[in-house]
Amino acid sequence: MRAPLILSLMSGLALAACEPAAESTAPALDLPQNCGAEELQNLVGQPKSVLDSRDFPTGTRIIGPGDPVTADYRADRLNIEINSNDRIEKIGCY
């Protein structure tokens, strides 16, 4: 009597595992699509000193070689990377 009961329970569990998962309707993140990096691409290759006369949004990171940075992604954060020759190497939103 126990064997048929166990067999039917196992069959039911196996069939339940085949059911597709419910689709998630997570809300879309409302992140800005532009931190201003596109407008500054003309600075790539320029010396770091050209940044001294400019104003940047709060939270902008000017990253030198070997500088520690957090790995969190923020589409609204402007990042300016400086190479070992004190020239602007990369400007992006991350």
N, C-alpha and C. Protein backbone atom coordinates (compact mmCIF):
# COMPACT_ATOMS: atom_id res chain seq x y z
N MET A 1 0.81 -1.19 0.00
CA MET A 1 0.00 0.00 0.00
C MET A 1 0.86 1.26 0.00
N ARG A 2 2.00 1.21 0.66
CA ARG A 2 2.86 2.38 0.71
C ARG A 2 3.54 2.65 -0.62
N ALA A 3 3.90 1.60 -1.33
CA ALA A 3 4.64 1.78 -2.58
C ALA A 3 3.83 2.57 -3.60
N PRO A 4 2.54 2.27 -3.83
CA PRO A 4 1.78 3.06 -4.79
C PRO A 4 1.64 4.52 -4.35
N LEU A 5 1.50 4.75 -3.05
CA LEU A 5 1.38 6.11 -2.54
C LEU A 5 2.67 6.90 -2.79
N ILE A 6 3.79 6.30 -2.47
CA ILE A 6 5.08 6.96 -2.68
C ILE A 6 5.31 7.20 -4.17
N LEU A 7 4.97 6.21 -4.99
CA LEU A 7 5.13 6.34 -6.43
C LEU A 7 4.28 7.48 -6.99
N SER A 8 3.05 7.58 -6.52
CA SER A 8 2.18 8.65 -7.03
C SER A 8 2.65 10.02 -6.54
N LEU A 9 3.16 10.12 -5.32
CA LEU A 9 3.70 11.39 -4.83
C LEU A 9 4.93 11.81 -5.63
N MET A 10 5.80 10.87 -5.93
CA MET A 10 7.00 11.17 -6.71
C MET A 10 6.63 11.61 -8.12
N SER A 11 5.61 10.96 -8.70
CA SER A 11 5.16 11.34 -10.04
C SER A 11 4.59 12.76 -10.03
N GLY A 12 3.84 13.08 -9.00
CA GLY A 12 3.27 14.43 -8.88
C GLY A 12 4.36 15.48 -8.75
N LEU A 13 5.38 15.20 -7.97
CA LEU A 13 6.50 16.14 -7.82
C LEU A 13 7.25 16.32 -9.13
N ALA A 14 7.44 15.23 -9.84
CA ALA A 14 8.15 15.31 -11.12
C ALA A 14 7.37 16.16 -12.12
N LEU A 15 6.05 15.99 -12.15
CA LEU A 15 5.23 16.79 -13.07
C LEU A 15 5.20 18.26 -12.65
N ALA A 16 5.18 18.53 -11.37
CA ALA A 16 5.17 19.91 -10.89
C ALA A 16 6.47 20.63 -11.27
N ALA A 17 7.55 19.89 -11.31
CA ALA A 17 8.83 20.49 -11.67
C ALA A 17 8.87 20.88 -13.14
N CYS A 18 8.02 20.28 -13.96
CA CYS A 18 7.98 20.59 -15.39
C CYS A 18 7.18 21.85 -15.70
N GLU A 19 6.44 22.35 -14.74
CA GLU A 19 5.61 23.53 -14.97
C GLU A 19 6.50 24.76 -15.16
N PRO A 20 6.23 25.58 -16.17
CA PRO A 20 7.07 26.76 -16.38
C PRO A 20 6.92 27.75 -15.23
N ALA A 21 8.00 28.43 -14.94
CA ALA A 21 7.99 29.42 -13.87
C ALA A 21 7.15 30.62 -14.28
N ALA A 22 6.54 31.24 -13.31
CA ALA A 22 5.73 32.43 -13.58
C ALA A 22 6.64 33.56 -14.04
N GLU A 23 6.17 34.34 -15.02
CA GLU A 23 6.97 35.45 -15.52
C GLU A 23 7.00 36.57 -14.49
N SER A 24 8.17 37.14 -14.34
CA SER A 24 8.33 38.25 -13.41
C SER A 24 7.98 39.56 -14.11
N THR A 25 7.29 40.40 -13.41
CA THR A 25 6.96 41.72 -13.96
C THR A 25 7.64 42.78 -13.10
N ALA A 26 8.96 42.68 -13.01
CA ALA A 26 9.73 43.65 -12.23
C ALA A 26 9.65 45.02 -12.88
N PRO A 27 9.53 46.05 -12.08
CA PRO A 27 9.46 47.40 -12.65
C PRO A 27 10.77 47.77 -13.33
N ALA A 28 10.67 48.49 -14.42
CA ALA A 28 11.86 48.93 -15.14
C ALA A 28 12.56 50.01 -14.32
N LEU A 29 13.89 49.95 -14.32
CA LEU A 29 14.66 50.98 -13.63
C LEU A 29 14.60 52.27 -14.41
N ASP A 30 14.42 53.36 -13.72
CA ASP A 30 14.34 54.66 -14.36
C ASP A 30 15.70 55.35 -14.26
N LEU A 31 16.67 54.85 -15.05
CA LEU A 31 18.02 55.39 -15.02
C LEU A 31 18.23 56.35 -16.18
N PRO A 32 18.97 57.43 -15.93
CA PRO A 32 19.28 58.32 -17.04
C PRO A 32 20.13 57.59 -18.07
N GLN A 33 19.92 57.90 -19.32
CA GLN A 33 20.65 57.24 -20.39
C GLN A 33 21.95 57.97 -20.74
N ASN A 34 22.19 59.13 -20.13
CA ASN A 34 23.36 59.90 -20.52
C ASN A 34 23.92 60.62 -19.31
N CYS A 35 25.20 60.40 -19.04
CA CYS A 35 25.86 61.10 -17.94
C CYS A 35 26.67 62.28 -18.45
N GLY A 36 26.65 62.50 -19.75
CA GLY A 36 27.40 63.60 -20.33
C GLY A 36 28.70 63.18 -21.00
N ALA A 37 28.98 61.89 -21.02
CA ALA A 37 30.24 61.40 -21.57
C ALA A 37 30.35 61.64 -23.08
N GLU A 38 29.24 61.51 -23.79
CA GLU A 38 29.29 61.68 -25.25
C GLU A 38 29.78 63.06 -25.63
N GLU A 39 29.34 64.08 -24.89
CA GLU A 39 29.72 65.45 -25.21
C GLU A 39 31.18 65.75 -24.89
N LEU A 40 31.83 64.87 -24.11
CA LEU A 40 33.21 65.12 -23.69
C LEU A 40 34.24 64.25 -24.42
N GLN A 41 33.81 63.47 -25.39
CA GLN A 41 34.74 62.56 -26.08
C GLN A 41 35.88 63.30 -26.77
N ASN A 42 35.68 64.58 -27.08
CA ASN A 42 36.75 65.36 -27.72
C ASN A 42 37.93 65.59 -26.77
N LEU A 43 37.76 65.29 -25.48
CA LEU A 43 38.85 65.46 -24.52
C LEU A 43 39.78 64.25 -24.46
N VAL A 44 39.36 63.13 -25.01
CA VAL A 44 40.20 61.93 -24.98
C VAL A 44 41.50 62.22 -25.73
N GLY A 45 42.62 61.91 -25.07
CA GLY A 45 43.94 62.17 -25.64
C GLY A 45 44.53 63.49 -25.17
N GLN A 46 43.71 64.35 -24.57
CA GLN A 46 44.18 65.64 -24.07
C GLN A 46 44.87 65.45 -22.72
N PRO A 47 45.72 66.41 -22.32
CA PRO A 47 46.34 66.31 -21.00
C PRO A 47 45.30 66.48 -19.88
N LYS A 48 45.58 65.89 -18.76
CA LYS A 48 44.68 65.94 -17.60
C LYS A 48 44.39 67.38 -17.19
N SER A 49 45.30 68.28 -17.42
CA SER A 49 45.16 69.67 -16.99
C SER A 49 43.96 70.38 -17.63
N VAL A 50 43.45 69.89 -18.78
CA VAL A 50 42.28 70.54 -19.39
C VAL A 50 41.04 70.37 -18.52
N LEU A 51 41.08 69.43 -17.59
CA LEU A 51 39.93 69.21 -16.70
C LEU A 51 39.84 70.27 -15.61
N ASP A 52 40.95 70.94 -15.32
CA ASP A 52 40.98 71.90 -14.22
C ASP A 52 40.03 73.07 -14.42
N SER A 53 39.80 73.47 -15.65
CA SER A 53 38.96 74.64 -15.92
C SER A 53 37.50 74.27 -16.19
N ARG A 54 37.14 73.02 -15.98
CA ARG A 54 35.77 72.57 -16.28
C ARG A 54 35.04 72.19 -15.00
N ASP A 55 33.73 72.33 -15.05
CA ASP A 55 32.87 71.86 -13.96
C ASP A 55 32.20 70.56 -14.39
N PHE A 56 32.14 69.62 -13.47
CA PHE A 56 31.53 68.33 -13.75
C PHE A 56 30.42 68.06 -12.75
N PRO A 57 29.48 67.19 -13.11
CA PRO A 57 28.39 66.86 -12.19
C PRO A 57 28.90 66.24 -10.89
N THR A 58 28.14 66.42 -9.84
CA THR A 58 28.47 65.79 -8.56
C THR A 58 28.56 64.28 -8.76
N GLY A 59 29.59 63.68 -8.18
CA GLY A 59 29.77 62.23 -8.30
C GLY A 59 30.71 61.82 -9.41
N THR A 60 31.18 62.78 -10.22
CA THR A 60 32.12 62.46 -11.29
C THR A 60 33.40 61.91 -10.68
N ARG A 61 33.94 60.85 -11.29
CA ARG A 61 35.20 60.28 -10.82
C ARG A 61 36.28 60.53 -11.86
N ILE A 62 37.39 61.09 -11.41
CA ILE A 62 38.58 61.21 -12.24
C ILE A 62 39.53 60.15 -11.70
N ILE A 63 39.77 59.14 -12.52
CA ILE A 63 40.45 57.92 -12.08
C ILE A 63 41.85 57.86 -12.67
N GLY A 64 42.84 57.87 -11.80
CA GLY A 64 44.23 57.76 -12.24
C GLY A 64 44.67 56.31 -12.26
N PRO A 65 45.86 56.06 -12.82
CA PRO A 65 46.36 54.68 -12.87
C PRO A 65 46.54 54.13 -11.46
N GLY A 66 45.99 52.97 -11.23
CA GLY A 66 46.12 52.32 -9.93
C GLY A 66 45.18 52.84 -8.86
N ASP A 67 44.34 53.83 -9.18
CA ASP A 67 43.39 54.33 -8.19
C ASP A 67 42.34 53.26 -7.89
N PRO A 68 42.01 53.07 -6.62
CA PRO A 68 40.94 52.12 -6.31
C PRO A 68 39.58 52.74 -6.65
N VAL A 69 38.71 51.94 -7.23
CA VAL A 69 37.35 52.40 -7.55
C VAL A 69 36.37 51.30 -7.18
N THR A 70 35.17 51.70 -6.85
CA THR A 70 34.14 50.72 -6.56
C THR A 70 33.66 50.10 -7.86
N ALA A 71 33.13 48.90 -7.79
CA ALA A 71 32.70 48.20 -8.99
C ALA A 71 31.20 48.35 -9.25
N ASP A 72 30.54 49.19 -8.46
CA ASP A 72 29.10 49.35 -8.67
C ASP A 72 28.84 50.13 -9.95
N TYR A 73 27.82 49.70 -10.68
CA TYR A 73 27.48 50.34 -11.95
C TYR A 73 26.44 51.41 -11.71
N ARG A 74 26.73 52.62 -12.20
CA ARG A 74 25.77 53.72 -12.13
C ARG A 74 25.78 54.42 -13.48
N ALA A 75 24.70 54.30 -14.21
CA ALA A 75 24.62 54.88 -15.55
C ALA A 75 24.66 56.40 -15.53
N ASP A 76 24.38 56.99 -14.38
CA ASP A 76 24.37 58.45 -14.28
C ASP A 76 25.71 59.03 -13.81
N ARG A 77 26.72 58.17 -13.59
CA ARG A 77 28.00 58.65 -13.06
C ARG A 77 29.02 58.80 -14.19
N LEU A 78 29.59 59.98 -14.29
CA LEU A 78 30.62 60.27 -15.28
C LEU A 78 31.97 59.82 -14.73
N ASN A 79 32.70 59.05 -15.52
CA ASN A 79 34.03 58.57 -15.15
C ASN A 79 35.02 59.01 -16.21
N ILE A 80 36.12 59.61 -15.75
CA ILE A 80 37.18 60.05 -16.64
C ILE A 80 38.44 59.33 -16.21
N GLU A 81 38.98 58.51 -17.09
CA GLU A 81 40.18 57.73 -16.76
C GLU A 81 41.41 58.41 -17.33
N ILE A 82 42.43 58.52 -16.48
CA ILE A 82 43.70 59.15 -16.84
C ILE A 82 44.76 58.05 -16.93
N ASN A 83 45.60 58.10 -17.98
CA ASN A 83 46.65 57.08 -18.11
C ASN A 83 47.93 57.51 -17.41
N SER A 84 48.96 56.69 -17.49
CA SER A 84 50.22 56.96 -16.79
C SER A 84 50.98 58.15 -17.37
N ASN A 85 50.59 58.62 -18.54
CA ASN A 85 51.21 59.81 -19.15
C ASN A 85 50.42 61.08 -18.83
N ASP A 86 49.51 61.01 -17.87
CA ASP A 86 48.64 62.12 -17.48
C ASP A 86 47.78 62.64 -18.62
N ARG A 87 47.33 61.72 -19.45
CA ARG A 87 46.42 62.07 -20.54
C ARG A 87 45.09 61.36 -20.32
N ILE A 88 44.03 61.97 -20.81
CA ILE A 88 42.70 61.39 -20.69
C ILE A 88 42.60 60.21 -21.64
N GLU A 89 42.32 59.04 -21.07
CA GLU A 89 42.30 57.81 -21.87
C GLU A 89 40.89 57.35 -22.21
N LYS A 90 39.95 57.57 -21.29
CA LYS A 90 38.59 57.06 -21.51
C LYS A 90 37.61 57.92 -20.73
N ILE A 91 36.45 58.17 -21.34
CA ILE A 91 35.37 58.89 -20.67
C ILE A 91 34.10 58.07 -20.87
N GLY A 92 33.45 57.72 -19.79
CA GLY A 92 32.25 56.90 -19.92
C GLY A 92 31.31 57.01 -18.75
N CYS A 93 30.16 56.40 -18.90
CA CYS A 93 29.12 56.37 -17.87
C CYS A 93 29.09 54.97 -17.26
N TYR A 94 29.55 54.84 -16.04
CA TYR A 94 29.51 53.55 -15.35
C TYR A 94 29.77 53.72 -13.87
